[in-house]
Amino acid sequence: MSRSQLIEKIDLLPLTLQHEVSDFVEFLLNKHFKGNPSPADEPELTEEQKAELDRRYQEYLDNPDSTISIEELKNRLMKKYSLHNPD
């Protein structure tokens, strides 16, 4: 469905339902784009960043036992920076 077709259909709705559609669209934007109004505003990864992500993923595939849990990471960072763990 094109943008203009969608707008035409929304225009046919009563004003109260148009507000509901607007609220739902706002909900979807927040859910999927974390409040960013347009996915086009997301910064593109550089080739260097993509290569680094690929390298890290391959490293994980080669040795999945080398990872740590998120809890272990939190504990290490809290200890390293002498922070109190709120948990």
PDB file of N, CA and C in Angstrom:
ATOM      1  N   MET A   1       0.853  -1.163   0.000  1.00  0.00           N
ATOM      2  CA  MET A   1       0.000   0.000   0.000  1.00  0.00           C
ATOM      3  C   MET A   1       0.903   1.232   0.000  1.00  0.00           C
ATOM      4  N   SER A   2       0.580   2.169  -0.826  1.00  0.00           N
ATOM      5  CA  SER A   2       1.367   3.395  -0.909  1.00  0.00           C
ATOM      6  C   SER A   2       0.978   4.354   0.209  1.00  0.00           C
ATOM      7  N   ARG A   3       1.824   5.321   0.435  1.00  0.00           N
ATOM      8  CA  ARG A   3       1.560   6.335   1.456  1.00  0.00           C
ATOM      9  C   ARG A   3       0.262   7.086   1.148  1.00  0.00           C
ATOM     10  N   SER A   4       0.071   7.435  -0.122  1.00  0.00           N
ATOM     11  CA  SER A   4      -1.135   8.195  -0.481  1.00  0.00           C
ATOM     12  C   SER A   4      -2.397   7.352  -0.274  1.00  0.00           C
ATOM     13  N   GLN A   5      -2.344   6.049  -0.558  1.00  0.00           N
ATOM     14  CA  GLN A   5      -3.500   5.184  -0.319  1.00  0.00           C
ATOM     15  C   GLN A   5      -3.815   5.107   1.174  1.00  0.00           C
ATOM     16  N   LEU A   6      -2.772   5.006   1.963  1.00  0.00           N
ATOM     17  CA  LEU A   6      -2.967   4.948   3.409  1.00  0.00           C
ATOM     18  C   LEU A   6      -3.590   6.248   3.919  1.00  0.00           C
ATOM     19  N   ILE A   7      -3.099   7.366   3.457  1.00  0.00           N
ATOM     20  CA  ILE A   7      -3.645   8.664   3.870  1.00  0.00           C
ATOM     21  C   ILE A   7      -5.104   8.788   3.465  1.00  0.00           C
ATOM     22  N   GLU A   8      -5.431   8.341   2.258  1.00  0.00           N
ATOM     23  CA  GLU A   8      -6.825   8.394   1.800  1.00  0.00           C
ATOM     24  C   GLU A   8      -7.732   7.580   2.719  1.00  0.00           C
ATOM     25  N   LYS A   9      -7.286   6.402   3.116  1.00  0.00           N
ATOM     26  CA  LYS A   9      -8.094   5.556   4.000  1.00  0.00           C
ATOM     27  C   LYS A   9      -8.238   6.187   5.380  1.00  0.00           C
ATOM     28  N   ILE A  10      -7.161   6.749   5.897  1.00  0.00           N
ATOM     29  CA  ILE A  10      -7.230   7.400   7.207  1.00  0.00           C
ATOM     30  C   ILE A  10      -8.170   8.590   7.158  1.00  0.00           C
ATOM     31  N   ASP A  11      -8.138   9.339   6.063  1.00  0.00           N
ATOM     32  CA  ASP A  11      -9.031  10.501   5.914  1.00  0.00           C
ATOM     33  C   ASP A  11     -10.511  10.112   5.931  1.00  0.00           C
ATOM     34  N   LEU A  12     -10.829   8.891   5.571  1.00  0.00           N
ATOM     35  CA  LEU A  12     -12.213   8.434   5.582  1.00  0.00           C
ATOM     36  C   LEU A  12     -12.719   8.136   6.993  1.00  0.00           C
ATOM     37  N   LEU A  13     -11.819   7.971   7.924  1.00  0.00           N
ATOM     38  CA  LEU A  13     -12.201   7.641   9.297  1.00  0.00           C
ATOM     39  C   LEU A  13     -12.712   8.871  10.038  1.00  0.00           C
ATOM     40  N   PRO A  14     -13.583   8.658  11.015  1.00  0.00           N
ATOM     41  CA  PRO A  14     -13.994   9.772  11.873  1.00  0.00           C
ATOM     42  C   PRO A  14     -12.768  10.300  12.634  1.00  0.00           C
ATOM     43  N   LEU A  15     -12.838  11.543  13.032  1.00  0.00           N
ATOM     44  CA  LEU A  15     -11.711  12.208  13.675  1.00  0.00           C
ATOM     45  C   LEU A  15     -11.211  11.456  14.910  1.00  0.00           C
ATOM     46  N   THR A  16     -12.132  10.907  15.696  1.00  0.00           N
ATOM     47  CA  THR A  16     -11.710  10.174  16.906  1.00  0.00           C
ATOM     48  C   THR A  16     -10.868   8.953  16.538  1.00  0.00           C
ATOM     49  N   LEU A  17     -11.247   8.273  15.477  1.00  0.00           N
ATOM     50  CA  LEU A  17     -10.461   7.116  15.047  1.00  0.00           C
ATOM     51  C   LEU A  17      -9.136   7.548  14.425  1.00  0.00           C
ATOM     52  N   GLN A  18      -9.111   8.695  13.783  1.00  0.00           N
ATOM     53  CA  GLN A  18      -7.855   9.212  13.238  1.00  0.00           C
ATOM     54  C   GLN A  18      -6.851   9.454  14.375  1.00  0.00           C
ATOM     55  N   HIS A  19      -7.363   9.928  15.516  1.00  0.00           N
ATOM     56  CA  HIS A  19      -6.490  10.127  16.673  1.00  0.00           C
ATOM     57  C   HIS A  19      -5.941   8.790  17.174  1.00  0.00           C
ATOM     58  N   GLU A  20      -6.786   7.771  17.159  1.00  0.00           N
ATOM     59  CA  GLU A  20      -6.335   6.443  17.575  1.00  0.00           C
ATOM     60  C   GLU A  20      -5.263   5.916  16.625  1.00  0.00           C
ATOM     61  N   VAL A  21      -5.448   6.133  15.337  1.00  0.00           N
ATOM     62  CA  VAL A  21      -4.451   5.711  14.355  1.00  0.00           C
ATOM     63  C   VAL A  21      -3.133   6.442  14.621  1.00  0.00           C
ATOM     64  N   SER A  22      -3.240   7.725  14.885  1.00  0.00           N
ATOM     65  CA  SER A  22      -2.039   8.516  15.185  1.00  0.00           C
ATOM     66  C   SER A  22      -1.324   7.984  16.418  1.00  0.00           C
ATOM     67  N   ASP A  23      -2.077   7.669  17.456  1.00  0.00           N
ATOM     68  CA  ASP A  23      -1.484   7.116  18.672  1.00  0.00           C
ATOM     69  C   ASP A  23      -0.806   5.778  18.390  1.00  0.00           C
ATOM     70  N   PHE A  24      -1.455   4.955  17.577  1.00  0.00           N
ATOM     71  CA  PHE A  24      -0.882   3.650  17.267  1.00  0.00           C
ATOM     72  C   PHE A  24       0.399   3.786  16.444  1.00  0.00           C
ATOM     73  N   VAL A  25       0.409   4.703  15.510  1.00  0.00           N
ATOM     74  CA  VAL A  25       1.614   4.944  14.716  1.00  0.00           C
ATOM     75  C   VAL A  25       2.751   5.409  15.635  1.00  0.00           C
ATOM     76  N   GLU A  26       2.412   6.280  16.571  1.00  0.00           N
ATOM     77  CA  GLU A  26       3.411   6.757  17.548  1.00  0.00           C
ATOM     78  C   GLU A  26       3.958   5.592  18.364  1.00  0.00           C
ATOM     79  N   PHE A  27       3.070   4.694  18.785  1.00  0.00           N
ATOM     80  CA  PHE A  27       3.475   3.508  19.528  1.00  0.00           C
ATOM     81  C   PHE A  27       4.442   2.660  18.700  1.00  0.00           C
ATOM     82  N   LEU A  28       4.103   2.424  17.436  1.00  0.00           N
ATOM     83  CA  LEU A  28       4.969   1.612  16.574  1.00  0.00           C
ATOM     84  C   LEU A  28       6.339   2.256  16.363  1.00  0.00           C
ATOM     85  N   LEU A  29       6.357   3.558  16.179  1.00  0.00           N
ATOM     86  CA  LEU A  29       7.641   4.250  16.017  1.00  0.00           C
ATOM     87  C   LEU A  29       8.504   4.093  17.261  1.00  0.00           C
ATOM     88  N   ASN A  30       7.890   4.261  18.415  1.00  0.00           N
ATOM     89  CA  ASN A  30       8.655   4.113  19.657  1.00  0.00           C
ATOM     90  C   ASN A  30       9.116   2.682  19.868  1.00  0.00           C
ATOM     91  N   LYS A  31       8.262   1.741  19.553  1.00  0.00           N
ATOM     92  CA  LYS A  31       8.604   0.337  19.756  1.00  0.00           C
ATOM     93  C   LYS A  31       9.727  -0.101  18.837  1.00  0.00           C
ATOM     94  N   HIS A  32       9.652   0.256  17.586  1.00  0.00           N
ATOM     95  CA  HIS A  32      10.604  -0.257  16.598  1.00  0.00           C
ATOM     96  C   HIS A  32      11.792   0.646  16.339  1.00  0.00           C
ATOM     97  N   PHE A  33      11.653   1.930  16.628  1.00  0.00           N
ATOM     98  CA  PHE A  33      12.748   2.849  16.337  1.00  0.00           C
ATOM     99  C   PHE A  33      13.185   3.617  17.569  1.00  0.00           C
ATOM    100  N   LYS A  34      12.758   3.175  18.746  1.00  0.00           N
ATOM    101  CA  LYS A  34      13.169   3.771  20.014  1.00  0.00           C
ATOM    102  C   LYS A  34      12.974   5.280  20.041  1.00  0.00           C
ATOM    103  N   GLY A  35      11.853   5.738  19.518  1.00  0.00           N
ATOM    104  CA  GLY A  35      11.551   7.157  19.540  1.00  0.00           C
ATOM    105  C   GLY A  35      12.157   7.929  18.400  1.00  0.00           C
ATOM    106  N   ASN A  36      13.040   7.299  17.644  1.00  0.00           N
ATOM    107  CA  ASN A  36      13.643   7.962  16.498  1.00  0.00           C
ATOM    108  C   ASN A  36      12.559   8.104  15.436  1.00  0.00           C
ATOM    109  N   PRO A  37      12.230   9.308  15.027  1.00  0.00           N
ATOM    110  CA  PRO A  37      11.081   9.498  14.141  1.00  0.00           C
ATOM    111  C   PRO A  37      11.230   8.861  12.770  1.00  0.00           C
ATOM    112  N   SER A  38      12.440   8.576  12.367  1.00  0.00           N
ATOM    113  CA  SER A  38      12.622   8.006  11.043  1.00  0.00           C
ATOM    114  C   SER A  38      13.808   7.054  11.045  1.00  0.00           C
ATOM    115  N   PRO A  39      13.609   5.832  10.552  1.00  0.00           N
ATOM    116  CA  PRO A  39      14.736   4.911  10.499  1.00  0.00           C
ATOM    117  C   PRO A  39      15.856   5.444   9.612  1.00  0.00           C
ATOM    118  N   ALA A  40      15.537   6.354   8.709  1.00  0.00           N
ATOM    119  CA  ALA A  40      16.562   6.939   7.850  1.00  0.00           C
ATOM    120  C   ALA A  40      17.530   7.793   8.661  1.00  0.00           C
ATOM    121  N   ASP A  41      17.109   8.232   9.859  1.00  0.00           N
ATOM    122  CA  ASP A  41      17.972   9.028  10.717  1.00  0.00           C
ATOM    123  C   ASP A  41      19.016   8.176  11.439  1.00  0.00           C
ATOM    124  N   GLU A  42      18.865   6.868  11.372  1.00  0.00           N
ATOM    125  CA  GLU A  42      19.833   5.983  12.003  1.00  0.00           C
ATOM    126  C   GLU A  42      21.163   6.118  11.272  1.00  0.00           C
ATOM    127  N   PRO A  43      22.241   6.297  12.011  1.00  0.00           N
ATOM    128  CA  PRO A  43      23.538   6.404  11.332  1.00  0.00           C
ATOM    129  C   PRO A  43      23.935   5.068  10.711  1.00  0.00           C
ATOM    130  N   GLU A  44      24.479   5.134   9.539  1.00  0.00           N
ATOM    131  CA  GLU A  44      24.952   3.930   8.854  1.00  0.00           C
ATOM    132  C   GLU A  44      26.276   3.499   9.466  1.00  0.00           C
ATOM    133  N   LEU A  45      26.495   2.210   9.537  1.00  0.00           N
ATOM    134  CA  LEU A  45      27.782   1.713  10.002  1.00  0.00           C
ATOM    135  C   LEU A  45      28.818   1.929   8.912  1.00  0.00           C
ATOM    136  N   THR A  46      30.026   2.258   9.346  1.00  0.00           N
ATOM    137  CA  THR A  46      31.115   2.391   8.376  1.00  0.00           C
ATOM    138  C   THR A  46      31.580   0.994   7.982  1.00  0.00           C
ATOM    139  N   GLU A  47      32.329   0.894   6.916  1.00  0.00           N
ATOM    140  CA  GLU A  47      32.867  -0.403   6.494  1.00  0.00           C
ATOM    141  C   GLU A  47      33.783  -0.967   7.578  1.00  0.00           C
ATOM    142  N   GLU A  48      34.509  -0.082   8.241  1.00  0.00           N
ATOM    143  CA  GLU A  48      35.391  -0.513   9.331  1.00  0.00           C
ATOM    144  C   GLU A  48      34.592  -1.107  10.485  1.00  0.00           C
ATOM    145  N   GLN A  49      33.480  -0.469  10.831  1.00  0.00           N
ATOM    146  CA  GLN A  49      32.632  -0.988  11.908  1.00  0.00           C
ATOM    147  C   GLN A  49      32.010  -2.329  11.515  1.00  0.00           C
ATOM    148  N   LYS A  50      31.574  -2.441  10.270  1.00  0.00           N
ATOM    149  CA  LYS A  50      31.013  -3.712   9.799  1.00  0.00           C
ATOM    150  C   LYS A  50      32.052  -4.817   9.855  1.00  0.00           C
ATOM    151  N   ALA A  51      33.277  -4.495   9.430  1.00  0.00           N
ATOM    152  CA  ALA A  51      34.360  -5.486   9.446  1.00  0.00           C
ATOM    153  C   ALA A  51      34.655  -5.922  10.881  1.00  0.00           C
ATOM    154  N   GLU A  52      34.642  -4.968  11.824  1.00  0.00           N
ATOM    155  CA  GLU A  52      34.900  -5.299  13.227  1.00  0.00           C
ATOM    156  C   GLU A  52      33.798  -6.190  13.788  1.00  0.00           C
ATOM    157  N   LEU A  53      32.554  -5.901  13.464  1.00  0.00           N
ATOM    158  CA  LEU A  53      31.446  -6.754  13.906  1.00  0.00           C
ATOM    159  C   LEU A  53      31.565  -8.156  13.308  1.00  0.00           C
ATOM    160  N   ASP A  54      31.915  -8.232  12.038  1.00  0.00           N
ATOM    161  CA  ASP A  54      32.114  -9.539  11.397  1.00  0.00           C
ATOM    162  C   ASP A  54      33.242 -10.306  12.069  1.00  0.00           C
ATOM    163  N   ARG A  55      34.345  -9.595  12.386  1.00  0.00           N
ATOM    164  CA  ARG A  55      35.487 -10.238  13.041  1.00  0.00           C
ATOM    165  C   ARG A  55      35.077 -10.783  14.407  1.00  0.00           C
ATOM    166  N   ARG A  56      34.354  -9.973  15.176  1.00  0.00           N
ATOM    167  CA  ARG A  56      33.929 -10.401  16.515  1.00  0.00           C
ATOM    168  C   ARG A  56      32.958 -11.575  16.444  1.00  0.00           C
ATOM    169  N   TYR A  57      32.076 -11.539  15.480  1.00  0.00           N
ATOM    170  CA  TYR A  57      31.123 -12.643  15.327  1.00  0.00           C
ATOM    171  C   TYR A  57      31.856 -13.930  14.952  1.00  0.00           C
ATOM    172  N   GLN A  58      32.814 -13.817  14.052  1.00  0.00           N
ATOM    173  CA  GLN A  58      33.587 -15.008  13.656  1.00  0.00           C
ATOM    174  C   GLN A  58      34.385 -15.535  14.841  1.00  0.00           C
ATOM    175  N   GLU A  59      34.932 -14.634  15.643  1.00  0.00           N
ATOM    176  CA  GLU A  59      35.669 -15.038  16.842  1.00  0.00           C
ATOM    177  C   GLU A  59      34.751 -15.814  17.783  1.00  0.00           C
ATOM    178  N   TYR A  60      33.523 -15.341  17.926  1.00  0.00           N
ATOM    179  CA  TYR A  60      32.551 -16.053  18.751  1.00  0.00           C
ATOM    180  C   TYR A  60      32.237 -17.437  18.169  1.00  0.00           C
ATOM    181  N   LEU A  61      32.025 -17.496  16.846  1.00  0.00           N
ATOM    182  CA  LEU A  61      31.720 -18.782  16.220  1.00  0.00           C
ATOM    183  C   LEU A  61      32.862 -19.772  16.393  1.00  0.00           C
ATOM    184  N   ASP A  62      34.084 -19.265  16.318  1.00  0.00           N
ATOM    185  CA  ASP A  62      35.255 -20.130  16.456  1.00  0.00           C
ATOM    186  C   ASP A  62      35.440 -20.625  17.885  1.00  0.00           C
ATOM    187  N   ASN A  63      35.000 -19.826  18.864  1.00  0.00           N
ATOM    188  CA  ASN A  63      35.203 -20.192  20.257  1.00  0.00           C
ATOM    189  C   ASN A  63      34.051 -19.654  21.123  1.00  0.00           C
ATOM    190  N   PRO A  64      32.876 -20.265  21.046  1.00  0.00           N
ATOM    191  CA  PRO A  64      31.722 -19.757  21.799  1.00  0.00           C
ATOM    192  C   PRO A  64      31.894 -19.835  23.314  1.00  0.00           C
ATOM    193  N   ASP A  65      32.805 -20.672  23.793  1.00  0.00           N
ATOM    194  CA  ASP A  65      33.023 -20.790  25.233  1.00  0.00           C
ATOM    195  C   ASP A  65      33.820 -19.616  25.800  1.00  0.00           C
ATOM    196  N   SER A  66      34.306 -18.745  24.932  1.00  0.00           N
ATOM    197  CA  SER A  66      35.103 -17.613  25.403  1.00  0.00           C
ATOM    198  C   SER A  66      34.240 -16.452  25.883  1.00  0.00           C
ATOM    199  N   THR A  67      32.933 -16.569  25.792  1.00  0.00           N
ATOM    200  CA  THR A  67      32.052 -15.467  26.187  1.00  0.00           C
ATOM    201  C   THR A  67      31.755 -15.506  27.678  1.00  0.00           C
ATOM    202  N   ILE A  68      31.240 -14.381  28.178  1.00  0.00           N
ATOM    203  CA  ILE A  68      30.797 -14.310  29.574  1.00  0.00           C
ATOM    204  C   ILE A  68      29.355 -13.807  29.571  1.00  0.00           C
ATOM    205  N   SER A  69      28.669 -14.057  30.656  1.00  0.00           N
ATOM    206  CA  SER A  69      27.272 -13.614  30.755  1.00  0.00           C
ATOM    207  C   SER A  69      27.228 -12.107  30.986  1.00  0.00           C
ATOM    208  N   ILE A  70      26.076 -11.533  30.750  1.00  0.00           N
ATOM    209  CA  ILE A  70      25.902 -10.101  30.987  1.00  0.00           C
ATOM    210  C   ILE A  70      26.077  -9.791  32.477  1.00  0.00           C
ATOM    211  N   GLU A  71      25.656 -10.704  33.331  1.00  0.00           N
ATOM    212  CA  GLU A  71      25.834 -10.505  34.781  1.00  0.00           C
ATOM    213  C   GLU A  71      27.312 -10.464  35.142  1.00  0.00           C
ATOM    214  N   GLU A  72      28.092 -11.364  34.555  1.00  0.00           N
ATOM    215  CA  GLU A  72      29.528 -11.368  34.815  1.00  0.00           C
ATOM    216  C   GLU A  72      30.177 -10.084  34.314  1.00  0.00           C
ATOM    217  N   LEU A  73      29.749  -9.621  33.161  1.00  0.00           N
ATOM    218  CA  LEU A  73      30.264  -8.357  32.632  1.00  0.00           C
ATOM    219  C   LEU A  73      29.947  -7.207  33.580  1.00  0.00           C
ATOM    220  N   LYS A  74      28.699  -7.146  34.044  1.00  0.00           N
ATOM    221  CA  LYS A  74      28.309  -6.094  34.995  1.00  0.00           C
ATOM    222  C   LYS A  74      29.176  -6.149  36.245  1.00  0.00           C
ATOM    223  N   ASN A  75      29.359  -7.348  36.781  1.00  0.00           N
ATOM    224  CA  ASN A  75      30.156  -7.494  37.997  1.00  0.00           C
ATOM    225  C   ASN A  75      31.593  -7.035  37.781  1.00  0.00           C
ATOM    226  N   ARG A  76      32.174  -7.404  36.667  1.00  0.00           N
ATOM    227  CA  ARG A  76      33.553  -6.984  36.370  1.00  0.00           C
ATOM    228  C   ARG A  76      33.664  -5.468  36.254  1.00  0.00           C
ATOM    229  N   LEU A  77      32.690  -4.857  35.567  1.00  0.00           N
ATOM    230  CA  LEU A  77      32.736  -3.397  35.405  1.00  0.00           C
ATOM    231  C   LEU A  77      32.507  -2.684  36.731  1.00  0.00           C
ATOM    232  N   MET A  78      31.587  -3.209  37.537  1.00  0.00           N
ATOM    233  CA  MET A  78      31.329  -2.600  38.838  1.00  0.00           C
ATOM    234  C   MET A  78      32.590  -2.663  39.699  1.00  0.00           C
ATOM    235  N   LYS A  79      33.252  -3.790  39.670  1.00  0.00           N
ATOM    236  CA  LYS A  79      34.477  -3.956  40.455  1.00  0.00           C
ATOM    237  C   LYS A  79      35.584  -3.049  39.906  1.00  0.00           C
ATOM    238  N   LYS A  80      35.751  -3.026  38.600  1.00  0.00           N
ATOM    239  CA  LYS A  80      36.808  -2.228  37.974  1.00  0.00           C
ATOM    240  C   LYS A  80      36.672  -0.747  38.321  1.00  0.00           C
ATOM    241  N   TYR A  81      35.444  -0.248  38.320  1.00  0.00           N
ATOM    242  CA  TYR A  81      35.213   1.172  38.555  1.00  0.00           C
ATOM    243  C   TYR A  81      34.749   1.470  39.985  1.00  0.00           C
ATOM    244  N   SER A  82      34.883   0.482  40.851  1.00  0.00           N
ATOM    245  CA  SER A  82      34.535   0.633  42.276  1.00  0.00           C
ATOM    246  C   SER A  82      33.134   1.208  42.465  1.00  0.00           C
ATOM    247  N   LEU A  83      32.187   0.627  41.771  1.00  0.00           N
ATOM    248  CA  LEU A  83      30.797   1.062  41.873  1.00  0.00           C
ATOM    249  C   LEU A  83      29.998   0.069  42.695  1.00  0.00           C
ATOM    250  N   HIS A  84      28.953   0.554  43.318  1.00  0.00           N
ATOM    251  CA  HIS A  84      28.065  -0.312  44.093  1.00  0.00           C
ATOM    252  C   HIS A  84      27.049  -0.943  43.157  1.00  0.00           C
ATOM    253  N   ASN A  85      26.888  -2.235  43.239  1.00  0.00           N
ATOM    254  CA  ASN A  85      25.918  -2.966  42.429  1.00  0.00           C
ATOM    255  C   ASN A  85      24.541  -2.809  43.054  1.00  0.00           C
ATOM    256  N   PRO A  86      23.580  -2.188  42.338  1.00  0.00           N
ATOM    257  CA  PRO A  86      22.239  -1.964  42.902  1.00  0.00           C
ATOM    258  C   PRO A  86      21.417  -3.232  43.049  1.00  0.00           C
ATOM    259  N   ASP A  87      21.863  -4.360  42.487  1.00  0.00           N
ATOM    260  CA  ASP A  87      21.087  -5.609  42.569  1.00  0.00           C
ATOM    261  C   ASP A  87      21.101  -6.189  43.935  1.00  0.00           C
TER     262      ASP A  87
END
